Amino acid sequence: RDGRTYVVESYDARARRAYAPPAGLTLRSWLRSLRA
């Protein structure tokens, strides 16, 4: 099943800042990916 997404909530919250602009991950896009 292609397109399935998976998140480890605790890891992703800690890593988010390292992937923020210029890496391209804004707070809004991160929250959207978490919910979806």
ModelCIF file with pLDDT and N, C-alpha, C, O atoms, coordinates in Angstrom:
data_MODEL
#
_entry.id   MODEL 
#
_entity.id                         1 
_entity.type                       polymer 
_entity.pdbx_number_of_molecules   1 
#
_entity_poly.entity_id                      1 
_entity_poly.type                           'polypeptide(L)' 
_entity_poly.nstd_linkage                   no 
_entity_poly.nstd_monomer                   no 
_entity_poly.pdbx_seq_one_letter_code       RDGRTYVVESYDARARRAYAPPAGLTLRSWLRSLRA 
_entity_poly.pdbx_seq_one_letter_code_can   RDGRTYVVESYDARARRAYAPPAGLTLRSWLRSLRA 
_entity_poly.pdbx_strand_id                 A 
#
loop_
_entity_poly_seq.entity_id 
_entity_poly_seq.num 
_entity_poly_seq.mon_id 
_entity_poly_seq.hetero 
1 1  ARG n 
1 2  ASP n 
1 3  GLY n 
1 4  ARG n 
1 5  THR n 
1 6  TYR n 
1 7  VAL n 
1 8  VAL n 
1 9  GLU n 
1 10 SER n 
1 11 TYR n 
1 12 ASP n 
1 13 ALA n 
1 14 ARG n 
1 15 ALA n 
1 16 ARG n 
1 17 ARG n 
1 18 ALA n 
1 19 TYR n 
1 20 ALA n 
1 21 PRO n 
1 22 PRO n 
1 23 ALA n 
1 24 GLY n 
1 25 LEU n 
1 26 THR n 
1 27 LEU n 
1 28 ARG n 
1 29 SER n 
1 30 TRP n 
1 31 LEU n 
1 32 ARG n 
1 33 SER n 
1 34 LEU n 
1 35 ARG n 
1 36 ALA n 
#
_struct_asym.id          A 
_struct_asym.entity_id   1 
#
loop_
_ma_qa_metric.id 
_ma_qa_metric.mode 
_ma_qa_metric.name 
_ma_qa_metric.software_group_id 
_ma_qa_metric.type 
1 global pLDDT . pLDDT 
2 local  pLDDT . pLDDT 
#
_ma_qa_metric_global.metric_id      1 
_ma_qa_metric_global.metric_value   88.92 
_ma_qa_metric_global.model_id       1 
_ma_qa_metric_global.ordinal_id     1 
#
loop_
_ma_qa_metric_local.label_asym_id 
_ma_qa_metric_local.label_comp_id 
_ma_qa_metric_local.label_seq_id 
_ma_qa_metric_local.metric_id 
_ma_qa_metric_local.metric_value 
_ma_qa_metric_local.model_id 
_ma_qa_metric_local.ordinal_id 
A ARG 1  2 98.00 1 1  
A ASP 2  2 97.00 1 2  
A GLY 3  2 97.00 1 3  
A ARG 4  2 98.00 1 4  
A THR 5  2 98.00 1 5  
A TYR 6  2 98.00 1 6  
A VAL 7  2 97.00 1 7  
A VAL 8  2 97.00 1 8  
A GLU 9  2 95.00 1 9  
A SER 10 2 93.00 1 10 
A TYR 11 2 94.00 1 11 
A ASP 12 2 95.00 1 12 
A ALA 13 2 93.00 1 13 
A ARG 14 2 91.00 1 14 
A ALA 15 2 91.00 1 15 
A ARG 16 2 90.00 1 16 
A ARG 17 2 87.00 1 17 
A ALA 18 2 88.00 1 18 
A TYR 19 2 88.00 1 19 
A ALA 20 2 81.00 1 20 
A PRO 21 2 75.00 1 21 
A PRO 22 2 65.00 1 22 
A ALA 23 2 64.00 1 23 
A GLY 24 2 71.00 1 24 
A LEU 25 2 83.00 1 25 
A THR 26 2 87.00 1 26 
A LEU 27 2 86.00 1 27 
A ARG 28 2 87.00 1 28 
A SER 29 2 88.00 1 29 
A TRP 30 2 89.00 1 30 
A LEU 31 2 90.00 1 31 
A ARG 32 2 90.00 1 32 
A SER 33 2 90.00 1 33 
A LEU 34 2 88.00 1 34 
A ARG 35 2 90.00 1 35 
A ALA 36 2 92.00 1 36 
#
loop_
_atom_site.group_PDB 
_atom_site.id 
_atom_site.type_symbol 
_atom_site.label_atom_id 
_atom_site.label_alt_id 
_atom_site.label_comp_id 
_atom_site.label_asym_id 
_atom_site.label_entity_id 
_atom_site.label_seq_id 
_atom_site.pdbx_PDB_ins_code 
_atom_site.Cartn_x 
_atom_site.Cartn_y 
_atom_site.Cartn_z 
_atom_site.occupancy 
_atom_site.B_iso_or_equiv 
_atom_site.pdbx_formal_charge 
_atom_site.auth_seq_id 
_atom_site.auth_comp_id 
_atom_site.auth_asym_id 
_atom_site.auth_atom_id 
_atom_site.pdbx_PDB_model_num 
ATOM 1   N N  . ARG A 1 1  ? 0.848  -1.182 0.000  1.00 98.00 ? 1  ARG A N  1 
ATOM 2   C CA . ARG A 1 1  ? 0.000  0.000  0.000  1.00 98.00 ? 1  ARG A CA 1 
ATOM 3   C C  . ARG A 1 1  ? 0.891  1.242  0.000  1.00 98.00 ? 1  ARG A C  1 
ATOM 4   O O  . ARG A 1 1  ? 1.436  1.650  1.025  1.00 98.00 ? 1  ARG A O  1 
ATOM 5   N N  . ASP A 1 2  ? 1.011  1.816  -1.176 1.00 97.00 ? 2  ASP A N  1 
ATOM 6   C CA . ASP A 1 2  ? 1.863  2.993  -1.330 1.00 97.00 ? 2  ASP A CA 1 
ATOM 7   C C  . ASP A 1 2  ? 1.223  4.225  -0.689 1.00 97.00 ? 2  ASP A C  1 
ATOM 8   O O  . ASP A 1 2  ? 0.002  4.341  -0.587 1.00 97.00 ? 2  ASP A O  1 
ATOM 9   N N  . GLY A 1 3  ? 2.095  5.136  -0.264 1.00 97.00 ? 3  GLY A N  1 
ATOM 10  C CA . GLY A 1 3  ? 1.633  6.407  0.274  1.00 97.00 ? 3  GLY A CA 1 
ATOM 11  C C  . GLY A 1 3  ? 1.333  6.404  1.754  1.00 97.00 ? 3  GLY A C  1 
ATOM 12  O O  . GLY A 1 3  ? 1.095  7.467  2.328  1.00 97.00 ? 3  GLY A O  1 
ATOM 13  N N  . ARG A 1 4  ? 1.336  5.231  2.403  1.00 98.00 ? 4  ARG A N  1 
ATOM 14  C CA . ARG A 1 4  ? 1.130  5.200  3.856  1.00 98.00 ? 4  ARG A CA 1 
ATOM 15  C C  . ARG A 1 4  ? 2.258  5.952  4.556  1.00 98.00 ? 4  ARG A C  1 
ATOM 16  O O  . ARG A 1 4  ? 3.422  5.858  4.164  1.00 98.00 ? 4  ARG A O  1 
ATOM 17  N N  . THR A 1 5  ? 1.898  6.689  5.584  1.00 98.00 ? 5  THR A N  1 
ATOM 18  C CA . THR A 1 5  ? 2.905  7.431  6.337  1.00 98.00 ? 5  THR A CA 1 
ATOM 19  C C  . THR A 1 5  ? 2.914  6.971  7.787  1.00 98.00 ? 5  THR A C  1 
ATOM 20  O O  . THR A 1 5  ? 1.906  6.504  8.318  1.00 98.00 ? 5  THR A O  1 
ATOM 21  N N  . TYR A 1 6  ? 4.067  7.112  8.410  1.00 98.00 ? 6  TYR A N  1 
ATOM 22  C CA . TYR A 1 6  ? 4.292  6.596  9.765  1.00 98.00 ? 6  TYR A CA 1 
ATOM 23  C C  . TYR A 1 6  ? 5.103  7.621  10.542 1.00 98.00 ? 6  TYR A C  1 
ATOM 24  O O  . TYR A 1 6  ? 6.054  8.199  10.014 1.00 98.00 ? 6  TYR A O  1 
ATOM 25  N N  . VAL A 1 7  ? 4.725  7.847  11.803 1.00 97.00 ? 7  VAL A N  1 
ATOM 26  C CA . VAL A 1 7  ? 5.441  8.816  12.622 1.00 97.00 ? 7  VAL A CA 1 
ATOM 27  C C  . VAL A 1 7  ? 5.668  8.260  14.023 1.00 97.00 ? 7  VAL A C  1 
ATOM 28  O O  . VAL A 1 7  ? 4.777  7.654  14.618 1.00 97.00 ? 7  VAL A O  1 
ATOM 29  N N  . VAL A 1 8  ? 6.872  8.474  14.539 1.00 97.00 ? 8  VAL A N  1 
ATOM 30  C CA . VAL A 1 8  ? 7.176  8.228  15.949 1.00 97.00 ? 8  VAL A CA 1 
ATOM 31  C C  . VAL A 1 8  ? 7.103  9.591  16.616 1.00 97.00 ? 8  VAL A C  1 
ATOM 32  O O  . VAL A 1 8  ? 8.018  10.402 16.472 1.00 97.00 ? 8  VAL A O  1 
ATOM 33  N N  . GLU A 1 9  ? 6.022  9.852  17.346 1.00 95.00 ? 9  GLU A N  1 
ATOM 34  C CA . GLU A 1 9  ? 5.707  11.190 17.798 1.00 95.00 ? 9  GLU A CA 1 
ATOM 35  C C  . GLU A 1 9  ? 6.832  11.831 18.605 1.00 95.00 ? 9  GLU A C  1 
ATOM 36  O O  . GLU A 1 9  ? 7.167  12.995 18.385 1.00 95.00 ? 9  GLU A O  1 
ATOM 37  N N  . SER A 1 10 ? 7.409  11.087 19.525 1.00 93.00 ? 10 SER A N  1 
ATOM 38  C CA . SER A 1 10 ? 8.444  11.649 20.391 1.00 93.00 ? 10 SER A CA 1 
ATOM 39  C C  . SER A 1 10 ? 9.711  11.972 19.606 1.00 93.00 ? 10 SER A C  1 
ATOM 40  O O  . SER A 1 10 ? 10.303 13.034 19.797 1.00 93.00 ? 10 SER A O  1 
ATOM 41  N N  . TYR A 1 11 ? 10.134 11.062 18.722 1.00 94.00 ? 11 TYR A N  1 
ATOM 42  C CA . TYR A 1 11 ? 11.321 11.309 17.904 1.00 94.00 ? 11 TYR A CA 1 
ATOM 43  C C  . TYR A 1 11 ? 11.116 12.510 16.978 1.00 94.00 ? 11 TYR A C  1 
ATOM 44  O O  . TYR A 1 11 ? 11.998 13.356 16.833 1.00 94.00 ? 11 TYR A O  1 
ATOM 45  N N  . ASP A 1 12 ? 9.940  12.566 16.357 1.00 95.00 ? 12 ASP A N  1 
ATOM 46  C CA . ASP A 1 12 ? 9.698  13.607 15.367 1.00 95.00 ? 12 ASP A CA 1 
ATOM 47  C C  . ASP A 1 12 ? 9.651  14.983 16.013 1.00 95.00 ? 12 ASP A C  1 
ATOM 48  O O  . ASP A 1 12 ? 10.112 15.961 15.425 1.00 95.00 ? 12 ASP A O  1 
ATOM 49  N N  . ALA A 1 13 ? 9.100  15.068 17.213 1.00 93.00 ? 13 ALA A N  1 
ATOM 50  C CA . ALA A 1 13 ? 9.057  16.351 17.908 1.00 93.00 ? 13 ALA A CA 1 
ATOM 51  C C  . ALA A 1 13 ? 10.467 16.847 18.241 1.00 93.00 ? 13 ALA A C  1 
ATOM 52  O O  . ALA A 1 13 ? 10.745 18.044 18.159 1.00 93.00 ? 13 ALA A O  1 
ATOM 53  N N  . ARG A 1 14 ? 11.346 15.927 18.614 1.00 91.00 ? 14 ARG A N  1 
ATOM 54  C CA . ARG A 1 14 ? 12.714 16.316 18.959 1.00 91.00 ? 14 ARG A CA 1 
ATOM 55  C C  . ARG A 1 14 ? 13.547 16.658 17.728 1.00 91.00 ? 14 ARG A C  1 
ATOM 56  O O  . ARG A 1 14 ? 14.454 17.488 17.794 1.00 91.00 ? 14 ARG A O  1 
ATOM 57  N N  . ALA A 1 15 ? 13.236 16.017 16.611 1.00 91.00 ? 15 ALA A N  1 
ATOM 58  C CA . ALA A 1 15 ? 14.033 16.233 15.399 1.00 91.00 ? 15 ALA A CA 1 
ATOM 59  C C  . ALA A 1 15 ? 13.539 17.398 14.551 1.00 91.00 ? 15 ALA A C  1 
ATOM 60  O O  . ALA A 1 15 ? 14.237 17.826 13.632 1.00 91.00 ? 15 ALA A O  1 
ATOM 61  N N  . ARG A 1 16 ? 12.346 17.920 14.841 1.00 90.00 ? 16 ARG A N  1 
ATOM 62  C CA . ARG A 1 16 ? 11.706 18.887 13.954 1.00 90.00 ? 16 ARG A CA 1 
ATOM 63  C C  . ARG A 1 16 ? 12.577 20.090 13.650 1.00 90.00 ? 16 ARG A C  1 
ATOM 64  O O  . ARG A 1 16 ? 12.666 20.510 12.497 1.00 90.00 ? 16 ARG A O  1 
ATOM 65  N N  . ARG A 1 17 ? 13.213 20.644 14.649 1.00 87.00 ? 17 ARG A N  1 
ATOM 66  C CA . ARG A 1 17 ? 13.995 21.873 14.439 1.00 87.00 ? 17 ARG A CA 1 
ATOM 67  C C  . ARG A 1 17 ? 15.145 21.648 13.457 1.00 87.00 ? 17 ARG A C  1 
ATOM 68  O O  . ARG A 1 17 ? 15.505 22.553 12.704 1.00 87.00 ? 17 ARG A O  1 
ATOM 69  N N  . ALA A 1 18 ? 15.713 20.463 13.466 1.00 88.00 ? 18 ALA A N  1 
ATOM 70  C CA . ALA A 1 18 ? 16.829 20.189 12.557 1.00 88.00 ? 18 ALA A CA 1 
ATOM 71  C C  . ALA A 1 18 ? 16.374 20.142 11.101 1.00 88.00 ? 18 ALA A C  1 
ATOM 72  O O  . ALA A 1 18 ? 17.188 20.309 10.192 1.00 88.00 ? 18 ALA A O  1 
ATOM 73  N N  . TYR A 1 19 ? 15.072 19.916 10.872 1.00 88.00 ? 19 TYR A N  1 
ATOM 74  C CA . TYR A 1 19 ? 14.547 19.852 9.508  1.00 88.00 ? 19 TYR A CA 1 
ATOM 75  C C  . TYR A 1 19 ? 13.772 21.114 9.138  1.00 88.00 ? 19 TYR A C  1 
ATOM 76  O O  . TYR A 1 19 ? 13.150 21.162 8.077  1.00 88.00 ? 19 TYR A O  1 
ATOM 77  N N  . ALA A 1 20 ? 13.800 22.146 10.002 1.00 81.00 ? 20 ALA A N  1 
ATOM 78  C CA . ALA A 1 20 ? 13.130 23.416 9.718  1.00 81.00 ? 20 ALA A CA 1 
ATOM 79  C C  . ALA A 1 20 ? 13.850 24.135 8.592  1.00 81.00 ? 20 ALA A C  1 
ATOM 80  O O  . ALA A 1 20 ? 14.949 23.731 8.214  1.00 81.00 ? 20 ALA A O  1 
ATOM 81  N N  . PRO A 1 21 ? 13.249 25.210 8.035  1.00 75.00 ? 21 PRO A N  1 
ATOM 82  C CA . PRO A 1 21 ? 13.944 25.950 6.971  1.00 75.00 ? 21 PRO A CA 1 
ATOM 83  C C  . PRO A 1 21 ? 15.384 26.242 7.383  1.00 75.00 ? 21 PRO A C  1 
ATOM 84  O O  . PRO A 1 21 ? 15.616 26.600 8.538  1.00 75.00 ? 21 PRO A O  1 
ATOM 85  N N  . PRO A 1 22 ? 16.386 26.101 6.464  1.00 65.00 ? 22 PRO A N  1 
ATOM 86  C CA . PRO A 1 22 ? 16.210 25.886 5.023  1.00 65.00 ? 22 PRO A CA 1 
ATOM 87  C C  . PRO A 1 22 ? 15.930 24.451 4.594  1.00 65.00 ? 22 PRO A C  1 
ATOM 88  O O  . PRO A 1 22 ? 15.815 24.193 3.396  1.00 65.00 ? 22 PRO A O  1 
ATOM 89  N N  . ALA A 1 23 ? 15.814 23.498 5.538  1.00 64.00 ? 23 ALA A N  1 
ATOM 90  C CA . ALA A 1 23 ? 15.505 22.121 5.135  1.00 64.00 ? 23 ALA A CA 1 
ATOM 91  C C  . ALA A 1 23 ? 14.081 21.999 4.606  1.00 64.00 ? 23 ALA A C  1 
ATOM 92  O O  . ALA A 1 23 ? 13.749 21.003 3.964  1.00 64.00 ? 23 ALA A O  1 
ATOM 93  N N  . GLY A 1 24 ? 13.232 22.997 4.865  1.00 71.00 ? 24 GLY A N  1 
ATOM 94  C CA . GLY A 1 24 ? 11.918 23.045 4.247  1.00 71.00 ? 24 GLY A CA 1 
ATOM 95  C C  . GLY A 1 24 ? 10.755 22.668 5.134  1.00 71.00 ? 24 GLY A C  1 
ATOM 96  O O  . GLY A 1 24 ? 9.622  22.660 4.652  1.00 71.00 ? 24 GLY A O  1 
ATOM 97  N N  . LEU A 1 25 ? 10.962 22.353 6.411  1.00 83.00 ? 25 LEU A N  1 
ATOM 98  C CA . LEU A 1 25 ? 9.872  21.927 7.280  1.00 83.00 ? 25 LEU A CA 1 
ATOM 99  C C  . LEU A 1 25 ? 9.470  23.079 8.192  1.00 83.00 ? 25 LEU A C  1 
ATOM 100 O O  . LEU A 1 25 ? 10.209 23.436 9.109  1.00 83.00 ? 25 LEU A O  1 
ATOM 101 N N  . THR A 1 26 ? 8.302  23.657 7.943  1.00 87.00 ? 26 THR A N  1 
ATOM 102 C CA . THR A 1 26 ? 7.768  24.701 8.810  1.00 87.00 ? 26 THR A CA 1 
ATOM 103 C C  . THR A 1 26 ? 6.949  24.063 9.924  1.00 87.00 ? 26 THR A C  1 
ATOM 104 O O  . THR A 1 26 ? 6.602  22.883 9.859  1.00 87.00 ? 26 THR A O  1 
ATOM 105 N N  . LEU A 1 27 ? 6.647  24.853 10.942 1.00 86.00 ? 27 LEU A N  1 
ATOM 106 C CA . LEU A 1 27 ? 5.828  24.338 12.036 1.00 86.00 ? 27 LEU A CA 1 
ATOM 107 C C  . LEU A 1 27 ? 4.469  23.883 11.524 1.00 86.00 ? 27 LEU A C  1 
ATOM 108 O O  . LEU A 1 27 ? 3.963  22.846 11.952 1.00 86.00 ? 27 LEU A O  1 
ATOM 109 N N  . ARG A 1 28 ? 3.878  24.640 10.620 1.00 87.00 ? 28 ARG A N  1 
ATOM 110 C CA . ARG A 1 28 ? 2.562  24.276 10.087 1.00 87.00 ? 28 ARG A CA 1 
ATOM 111 C C  . ARG A 1 28 ? 2.635  22.972 9.293  1.00 87.00 ? 28 ARG A C  1 
ATOM 112 O O  . ARG A 1 28 ? 1.786  22.097 9.468  1.00 87.00 ? 28 ARG A O  1 
ATOM 113 N N  . SER A 1 29 ? 3.633  22.830 8.427  1.00 88.00 ? 29 SER A N  1 
ATOM 114 C CA . SER A 1 29 ? 3.731  21.605 7.632  1.00 88.00 ? 29 SER A CA 1 
ATOM 115 C C  . SER A 1 29 ? 4.050  20.398 8.513  1.00 88.00 ? 29 SER A C  1 
ATOM 116 O O  . SER A 1 29 ? 3.611  19.283 8.228  1.00 88.00 ? 29 SER A O  1 
ATOM 117 N N  . TRP A 1 30 ? 4.815  20.623 9.585  1.00 89.00 ? 30 TRP A N  1 
ATOM 118 C CA . TRP A 1 30 ? 5.103  19.519 10.501 1.00 89.00 ? 30 TRP A CA 1 
ATOM 119 C C  . TRP A 1 30 ? 3.826  19.054 11.204 1.00 89.00 ? 30 TRP A C  1 
ATOM 120 O O  . TRP A 1 30 ? 3.566  17.854 11.282 1.00 89.00 ? 30 TRP A O  1 
ATOM 121 N N  . LEU A 1 31 ? 3.032  19.993 11.713 1.00 90.00 ? 31 LEU A N  1 
ATOM 122 C CA . LEU A 1 31 ? 1.780  19.635 12.384 1.00 90.00 ? 31 LEU A CA 1 
ATOM 123 C C  . LEU A 1 31 ? 0.822  18.937 11.424 1.00 90.00 ? 31 LEU A C  1 
ATOM 124 O O  . LEU A 1 31 ? 0.122  17.998 11.804 1.00 90.00 ? 31 LEU A O  1 
ATOM 125 N N  . ARG A 1 32 ? 0.799  19.405 10.177 1.00 90.00 ? 32 ARG A N  1 
ATOM 126 C CA . ARG A 1 32 ? -0.074 18.784 9.190  1.00 90.00 ? 32 ARG A CA 1 
ATOM 127 C C  . ARG A 1 32 ? 0.351  17.335 8.917  1.00 90.00 ? 32 ARG A C  1 
ATOM 128 O O  . ARG A 1 32 ? -0.497 16.449 8.803  1.00 90.00 ? 32 ARG A O  1 
ATOM 129 N N  . SER A 1 33 ? 1.661  17.098 8.814  1.00 90.00 ? 33 SER A N  1 
ATOM 130 C CA . SER A 1 33 ? 2.134  15.734 8.576  1.00 90.00 ? 33 SER A CA 1 
ATOM 131 C C  . SER A 1 33 ? 1.863  14.834 9.771  1.00 90.00 ? 33 SER A C  1 
ATOM 132 O O  . SER A 1 33 ? 1.596  13.644 9.604  1.00 90.00 ? 33 SER A O  1 
ATOM 133 N N  . LEU A 1 34 ? 1.930  15.388 10.967 1.00 88.00 ? 34 LEU A N  1 
ATOM 134 C CA . LEU A 1 34 ? 1.665  14.620 12.179 1.00 88.00 ? 34 LEU A CA 1 
ATOM 135 C C  . LEU A 1 34 ? 0.205  14.173 12.223 1.00 88.00 ? 34 LEU A C  1 
ATOM 136 O O  . LEU A 1 34 ? -0.090 13.020 12.537 1.00 88.00 ? 34 LEU A O  1 
ATOM 137 N N  . ARG A 1 35 ? -0.706 15.096 11.905 1.00 90.00 ? 35 ARG A N  1 
ATOM 138 C CA . ARG A 1 35 ? -2.132 14.769 11.944 1.00 90.00 ? 35 ARG A CA 1 
ATOM 139 C C  . ARG A 1 35 ? -2.518 13.786 10.846 1.00 90.00 ? 35 ARG A C  1 
ATOM 140 O O  . ARG A 1 35 ? -3.393 12.943 11.044 1.00 90.00 ? 35 ARG A O  1 
ATOM 141 N N  . ALA A 1 36 ? -1.868 13.892 9.687  1.00 92.00 ? 36 ALA A N  1 
ATOM 142 C CA . ALA A 1 36 ? -2.264 13.082 8.532  1.00 92.00 ? 36 ALA A CA 1 
ATOM 143 C C  . ALA A 1 36 ? -1.624 11.697 8.513  1.00 92.00 ? 36 ALA A C  1 
ATOM 144 O O  . ALA A 1 36 ? -1.872 10.915 7.595  1.00 92.00 ? 36 ALA A O  1 
#
